Amino acid sequence: MIESALSDLAGWFGDLIENVGSIGLGYLILGCLLQWGQTLLNSVAWRNVLQASYPEKHILQKEIWAG
């Protein structure tokens, strides 16, 4: 049972690596940049939520990025 599951997982992982390898480098870089941008904007939004919730505190953006 476990051997079968591990074999299936290894096959899935091999297919994943093969599929990712077929994607152009430019598209991978673009995808990473877009994901980074989404994360950055999400952190700005959360910083604003925290600042509105705790107006007496000074919340630094770099502290949110670190989280």
PDB file of N, CA and C in Angstrom:
ATOM      1  N   MET A   1       0.817  -1.192   0.000  1.00  0.00           N
ATOM      2  CA  MET A   1       0.000   0.000   0.000  1.00  0.00           C
ATOM      3  C   MET A   1       0.862   1.257   0.000  1.00  0.00           C
ATOM      4  N   ILE A   2       1.804   1.335   0.951  1.00  0.00           N
ATOM      5  CA  ILE A   2       2.672   2.504   1.042  1.00  0.00           C
ATOM      6  C   ILE A   2       3.603   2.562  -0.162  1.00  0.00           C
ATOM      7  N   GLU A   3       4.105   1.390  -0.590  1.00  0.00           N
ATOM      8  CA  GLU A   3       5.000   1.357  -1.748  1.00  0.00           C
ATOM      9  C   GLU A   3       4.282   1.845  -2.999  1.00  0.00           C
ATOM     10  N   SER A   4       3.025   1.487  -3.140  1.00  0.00           N
ATOM     11  CA  SER A   4       2.239   1.929  -4.286  1.00  0.00           C
ATOM     12  C   SER A   4       2.031   3.436  -4.259  1.00  0.00           C
ATOM     13  N   ALA A   5       1.744   3.955  -3.064  1.00  0.00           N
ATOM     14  CA  ALA A   5       1.537   5.400  -2.926  1.00  0.00           C
ATOM     15  C   ALA A   5       2.832   6.150  -3.236  1.00  0.00           C
ATOM     16  N   LEU A   6       3.961   5.639  -2.752  1.00  0.00           N
ATOM     17  CA  LEU A   6       5.248   6.286  -3.021  1.00  0.00           C
ATOM     18  C   LEU A   6       5.601   6.221  -4.499  1.00  0.00           C
ATOM     19  N   SER A   7       5.274   5.100  -5.127  1.00  0.00           N
ATOM     20  CA  SER A   7       5.517   4.957  -6.557  1.00  0.00           C
ATOM     21  C   SER A   7       4.673   5.947  -7.352  1.00  0.00           C
ATOM     22  N   ASP A   8       3.401   6.090  -6.958  1.00  0.00           N
ATOM     23  CA  ASP A   8       2.521   7.057  -7.620  1.00  0.00           C
ATOM     24  C   ASP A   8       3.033   8.475  -7.425  1.00  0.00           C
ATOM     25  N   LEU A   9       3.505   8.778  -6.213  1.00  0.00           N
ATOM     26  CA  LEU A   9       4.029  10.109  -5.914  1.00  0.00           C
ATOM     27  C   LEU A   9       5.290  10.391  -6.728  1.00  0.00           C
ATOM     28  N   ALA A  10       6.157   9.410  -6.838  1.00  0.00           N
ATOM     29  CA  ALA A  10       7.379   9.569  -7.625  1.00  0.00           C
ATOM     30  C   ALA A  10       7.045   9.785  -9.095  1.00  0.00           C
ATOM     31  N   GLY A  11       6.060   9.067  -9.602  1.00  0.00           N
ATOM     32  CA  GLY A  11       5.646   9.254 -10.990  1.00  0.00           C
ATOM     33  C   GLY A  11       5.048  10.628 -11.219  1.00  0.00           C
ATOM     34  N   TRP A  12       4.235  11.085 -10.266  1.00  0.00           N
ATOM     35  CA  TRP A  12       3.635  12.422 -10.368  1.00  0.00           C
ATOM     36  C   TRP A  12       4.712  13.492 -10.338  1.00  0.00           C
ATOM     37  N   PHE A  13       5.689  13.329  -9.434  1.00  0.00           N
ATOM     38  CA  PHE A  13       6.762  14.302  -9.319  1.00  0.00           C
ATOM     39  C   PHE A  13       7.606  14.341 -10.597  1.00  0.00           C
ATOM     40  N   GLY A  14       7.869  13.200 -11.181  1.00  0.00           N
ATOM     41  CA  GLY A  14       8.608  13.146 -12.440  1.00  0.00           C
ATOM     42  C   GLY A  14       7.865  13.849 -13.561  1.00  0.00           C
ATOM     43  N   ASP A  15       6.556  13.630 -13.640  1.00  0.00           N
ATOM     44  CA  ASP A  15       5.739  14.327 -14.640  1.00  0.00           C
ATOM     45  C   ASP A  15       5.746  15.829 -14.403  1.00  0.00           C
ATOM     46  N   LEU A  16       5.693  16.237 -13.131  1.00  0.00           N
ATOM     47  CA  LEU A  16       5.718  17.668 -12.802  1.00  0.00           C
ATOM     48  C   LEU A  16       7.007  18.315 -13.287  1.00  0.00           C
ATOM     49  N   ILE A  17       8.125  17.686 -13.002  1.00  0.00           N
ATOM     50  CA  ILE A  17       9.425  18.228 -13.416  1.00  0.00           C
ATOM     51  C   ILE A  17       9.497  18.298 -14.943  1.00  0.00           C
ATOM     52  N   GLU A  18       9.000  17.298 -15.612  1.00  0.00           N
ATOM     53  CA  GLU A  18       8.999  17.288 -17.078  1.00  0.00           C
ATOM     54  C   GLU A  18       8.148  18.427 -17.632  1.00  0.00           C
ATOM     55  N   ASN A  19       6.974  18.642 -17.050  1.00  0.00           N
ATOM     56  CA  ASN A  19       6.084  19.708 -17.517  1.00  0.00           C
ATOM     57  C   ASN A  19       6.654  21.088 -17.240  1.00  0.00           C
ATOM     58  N   VAL A  20       7.231  21.285 -16.071  1.00  0.00           N
ATOM     59  CA  VAL A  20       7.832  22.584 -15.750  1.00  0.00           C
ATOM     60  C   VAL A  20       9.025  22.831 -16.669  1.00  0.00           C
ATOM     61  N   GLY A  21       9.751  21.786 -16.992  1.00  0.00           N
ATOM     62  CA  GLY A  21      10.897  21.926 -17.886  1.00  0.00           C
ATOM     63  C   GLY A  21      10.502  22.331 -19.297  1.00  0.00           C
ATOM     64  N   SER A  22       9.250  22.084 -19.666  1.00  0.00           N
ATOM     65  CA  SER A  22       8.814  22.435 -21.018  1.00  0.00           C
ATOM     66  C   SER A  22       8.327  23.886 -21.118  1.00  0.00           C
ATOM     67  N   ILE A  23       8.216  24.572 -19.988  1.00  0.00           N
ATOM     68  CA  ILE A  23       7.775  25.975 -19.984  1.00  0.00           C
ATOM     69  C   ILE A  23       8.979  26.855 -20.279  1.00  0.00           C
ATOM     70  N   GLY A  24       8.774  27.854 -21.106  1.00  0.00           N
ATOM     71  CA  GLY A  24       9.855  28.772 -21.446  1.00  0.00           C
ATOM     72  C   GLY A  24      10.334  29.554 -20.233  1.00  0.00           C
ATOM     73  N   LEU A  25      11.619  29.872 -20.222  1.00  0.00           N
ATOM     74  CA  LEU A  25      12.217  30.588 -19.106  1.00  0.00           C
ATOM     75  C   LEU A  25      11.567  31.955 -18.903  1.00  0.00           C
ATOM     76  N   GLY A  26      11.237  32.635 -19.978  1.00  0.00           N
ATOM     77  CA  GLY A  26      10.601  33.948 -19.876  1.00  0.00           C
ATOM     78  C   GLY A  26       9.263  33.882 -19.164  1.00  0.00           C
ATOM     79  N   TYR A  27       8.485  32.842 -19.449  1.00  0.00           N
ATOM     80  CA  TYR A  27       7.194  32.683 -18.792  1.00  0.00           C
ATOM     81  C   TYR A  27       7.358  32.362 -17.303  1.00  0.00           C
ATOM     82  N   LEU A  28       8.367  31.565 -16.971  1.00  0.00           N
ATOM     83  CA  LEU A  28       8.618  31.258 -15.564  1.00  0.00           C
ATOM     84  C   LEU A  28       9.024  32.516 -14.801  1.00  0.00           C
ATOM     85  N   ILE A  29       9.888  33.321 -15.401  1.00  0.00           N
ATOM     86  CA  ILE A  29      10.309  34.566 -14.758  1.00  0.00           C
ATOM     87  C   ILE A  29       9.121  35.508 -14.612  1.00  0.00           C
ATOM     88  N   LEU A  30       8.313  35.633 -15.664  1.00  0.00           N
ATOM     89  CA  LEU A  30       7.130  36.489 -15.599  1.00  0.00           C
ATOM     90  C   LEU A  30       6.168  36.013 -14.511  1.00  0.00           C
ATOM     91  N   GLY A  31       5.949  34.723 -14.424  1.00  0.00           N
ATOM     92  CA  GLY A  31       5.074  34.177 -13.396  1.00  0.00           C
ATOM     93  C   GLY A  31       5.590  34.462 -11.995  1.00  0.00           C
ATOM     94  N   CYS A  32       6.894  34.318 -11.801  1.00  0.00           N
ATOM     95  CA  CYS A  32       7.486  34.616 -10.488  1.00  0.00           C
ATOM     96  C   CYS A  32       7.357  36.100 -10.157  1.00  0.00           C
ATOM     97  N   LEU A  33       7.571  36.963 -11.123  1.00  0.00           N
ATOM     98  CA  LEU A  33       7.435  38.402 -10.891  1.00  0.00           C
ATOM     99  C   LEU A  33       5.993  38.786 -10.564  1.00  0.00           C
ATOM    100  N   LEU A  34       5.047  38.202 -11.271  1.00  0.00           N
ATOM    101  CA  LEU A  34       3.644  38.493 -10.988  1.00  0.00           C
ATOM    102  C   LEU A  34       3.243  37.996  -9.599  1.00  0.00           C
ATOM    103  N   GLN A  35       3.721  36.826  -9.217  1.00  0.00           N
ATOM    104  CA  GLN A  35       3.425  36.304  -7.874  1.00  0.00           C
ATOM    105  C   GLN A  35       4.057  37.192  -6.814  1.00  0.00           C
ATOM    106  N   TRP A  36       5.285  37.644  -7.044  1.00  0.00           N
ATOM    107  CA  TRP A  36       5.956  38.539  -6.108  1.00  0.00           C
ATOM    108  C   TRP A  36       5.160  39.843  -5.976  1.00  0.00           C
ATOM    109  N   GLY A  37       4.672  40.383  -7.090  1.00  0.00           N
ATOM    110  CA  GLY A  37       3.878  41.602  -7.054  1.00  0.00           C
ATOM    111  C   GLY A  37       2.588  41.420  -6.275  1.00  0.00           C
ATOM    112  N   GLN A  38       1.932  40.297  -6.459  1.00  0.00           N
ATOM    113  CA  GLN A  38       0.698  40.024  -5.718  1.00  0.00           C
ATOM    114  C   GLN A  38       0.990  39.954  -4.221  1.00  0.00           C
ATOM    115  N   THR A  39       2.059  39.292  -3.844  1.00  0.00           N
ATOM    116  CA  THR A  39       2.429  39.181  -2.438  1.00  0.00           C
ATOM    117  C   THR A  39       2.766  40.551  -1.859  1.00  0.00           C
ATOM    118  N   LEU A  40       3.468  41.359  -2.628  1.00  0.00           N
ATOM    119  CA  LEU A  40       3.813  42.709  -2.186  1.00  0.00           C
ATOM    120  C   LEU A  40       2.559  43.543  -1.941  1.00  0.00           C
ATOM    121  N   LEU A  41       1.634  43.536  -2.883  1.00  0.00           N
ATOM    122  CA  LEU A  41       0.404  44.312  -2.730  1.00  0.00           C
ATOM    123  C   LEU A  41      -0.461  43.780  -1.594  1.00  0.00           C
ATOM    124  N   ASN A  42      -0.456  42.477  -1.399  1.00  0.00           N
ATOM    125  CA  ASN A  42      -1.189  41.887  -0.293  1.00  0.00           C
ATOM    126  C   ASN A  42      -0.604  42.349   1.046  1.00  0.00           C
ATOM    127  N   SER A  43       0.712  42.431   1.132  1.00  0.00           N
ATOM    128  CA  SER A  43       1.339  42.892   2.370  1.00  0.00           C
ATOM    129  C   SER A  43       1.030  44.360   2.633  1.00  0.00           C
ATOM    130  N   VAL A  44       0.953  45.166   1.590  1.00  0.00           N
ATOM    131  CA  VAL A  44       0.581  46.575   1.760  1.00  0.00           C
ATOM    132  C   VAL A  44      -0.842  46.676   2.294  1.00  0.00           C
ATOM    133  N   ALA A  45      -1.733  45.870   1.768  1.00  0.00           N
ATOM    134  CA  ALA A  45      -3.119  45.879   2.232  1.00  0.00           C
ATOM    135  C   ALA A  45      -3.201  45.473   3.705  1.00  0.00           C
ATOM    136  N   TRP A  46      -2.476  44.433   4.103  1.00  0.00           N
ATOM    137  CA  TRP A  46      -2.515  44.003   5.498  1.00  0.00           C
ATOM    138  C   TRP A  46      -1.887  45.035   6.416  1.00  0.00           C
ATOM    139  N   ARG A  47      -0.850  45.696   5.969  1.00  0.00           N
ATOM    140  CA  ARG A  47      -0.252  46.759   6.778  1.00  0.00           C
ATOM    141  C   ARG A  47      -1.267  47.861   7.015  1.00  0.00           C
ATOM    142  N   ASN A  48      -2.025  48.214   5.979  1.00  0.00           N
ATOM    143  CA  ASN A  48      -3.045  49.249   6.125  1.00  0.00           C
ATOM    144  C   ASN A  48      -4.156  48.805   7.076  1.00  0.00           C
ATOM    145  N   VAL A  49      -4.537  47.546   7.027  1.00  0.00           N
ATOM    146  CA  VAL A  49      -5.545  47.022   7.950  1.00  0.00           C
ATOM    147  C   VAL A  49      -5.040  47.116   9.386  1.00  0.00           C
ATOM    148  N   LEU A  50      -3.801  46.698   9.599  1.00  0.00           N
ATOM    149  CA  LEU A  50      -3.241  46.756  10.948  1.00  0.00           C
ATOM    150  C   LEU A  50      -3.092  48.194  11.435  1.00  0.00           C
ATOM    151  N   GLN A  51      -2.676  49.087  10.552  1.00  0.00           N
ATOM    152  CA  GLN A  51      -2.519  50.485  10.937  1.00  0.00           C
ATOM    153  C   GLN A  51      -3.862  51.106  11.297  1.00  0.00           C
ATOM    154  N   ALA A  52      -4.905  50.750  10.570  1.00  0.00           N
ATOM    155  CA  ALA A  52      -6.237  51.263  10.879  1.00  0.00           C
ATOM    156  C   ALA A  52      -6.759  50.672  12.190  1.00  0.00           C
ATOM    157  N   SER A  53      -6.390  49.436  12.472  1.00  0.00           N
ATOM    158  CA  SER A  53      -6.848  48.783  13.697  1.00  0.00           C
ATOM    159  C   SER A  53      -6.117  49.297  14.930  1.00  0.00           C
ATOM    160  N   TYR A  54      -4.866  49.648  14.761  1.00  0.00           N
ATOM    161  CA  TYR A  54      -4.036  50.118  15.876  1.00  0.00           C
ATOM    162  C   TYR A  54      -3.403  51.455  15.506  1.00  0.00           C
ATOM    163  N   PRO A  55      -4.192  52.531  15.503  1.00  0.00           N
ATOM    164  CA  PRO A  55      -3.660  53.823  15.052  1.00  0.00           C
ATOM    165  C   PRO A  55      -2.573  54.393  15.964  1.00  0.00           C
ATOM    166  N   GLU A  56      -2.513  53.953  17.224  1.00  0.00           N
ATOM    167  CA  GLU A  56      -1.494  54.474  18.140  1.00  0.00           C
ATOM    168  C   GLU A  56      -0.122  53.851  17.890  1.00  0.00           C
ATOM    169  N   LYS A  57      -0.080  52.754  17.160  1.00  0.00           N
ATOM    170  CA  LYS A  57       1.181  52.065  16.852  1.00  0.00           C
ATOM    171  C   LYS A  57       1.678  52.488  15.469  1.00  0.00           C
ATOM    172  N   HIS A  58       2.997  52.513  15.325  1.00  0.00           N
ATOM    173  CA  HIS A  58       3.594  52.761  14.007  1.00  0.00           C
ATOM    174  C   HIS A  58       4.034  51.411  13.449  1.00  0.00           C
ATOM    175  N   ILE A  59       3.358  50.961  12.424  1.00  0.00           N
ATOM    176  CA  ILE A  59       3.626  49.649  11.846  1.00  0.00           C
ATOM    177  C   ILE A  59       4.461  49.826  10.585  1.00  0.00           C
ATOM    178  N   LEU A  60       5.625  49.224  10.576  1.00  0.00           N
ATOM    179  CA  LEU A  60       6.543  49.336   9.447  1.00  0.00           C
ATOM    180  C   LEU A  60       6.196  48.299   8.371  1.00  0.00           C
ATOM    181  N   GLN A  61       6.300  48.731   7.127  1.00  0.00           N
ATOM    182  CA  GLN A  61       6.015  47.821   6.023  1.00  0.00           C
ATOM    183  C   GLN A  61       7.010  46.659   6.005  1.00  0.00           C
ATOM    184  N   LYS A  62       8.258  46.920   6.348  1.00  0.00           N
ATOM    185  CA  LYS A  62       9.256  45.840   6.313  1.00  0.00           C
ATOM    186  C   LYS A  62       8.946  44.751   7.337  1.00  0.00           C
ATOM    187  N   GLU A  63       8.252  45.099   8.426  1.00  0.00           N
ATOM    188  CA  GLU A  63       7.853  44.086   9.390  1.00  0.00           C
ATOM    189  C   GLU A  63       6.775  43.172   8.801  1.00  0.00           C
ATOM    190  N   ILE A  64       5.912  43.724   7.999  1.00  0.00           N
ATOM    191  CA  ILE A  64       4.886  42.929   7.342  1.00  0.00           C
ATOM    192  C   ILE A  64       5.527  42.051   6.271  1.00  0.00           C
ATOM    193  N   TRP A  65       6.461  42.609   5.501  1.00  0.00           N
ATOM    194  CA  TRP A  65       7.161  41.814   4.487  1.00  0.00           C
ATOM    195  C   TRP A  65       7.889  40.637   5.118  1.00  0.00           C
ATOM    196  N   ALA A  66       8.459  40.863   6.296  1.00  0.00           N
ATOM    197  CA  ALA A  66       9.220  39.791   6.976  1.00  0.00           C
ATOM    198  C   ALA A  66       8.280  38.653   7.383  1.00  0.00           C
ATOM    199  N   GLY A  67       7.020  38.996   7.654  1.00  0.00           N
ATOM    200  CA  GLY A  67       6.066  37.966   8.069  1.00  0.00           C
ATOM    201  C   GLY A  67       5.647  37.126   6.915  1.00  0.00           C
TER     202      GLY A  67
END
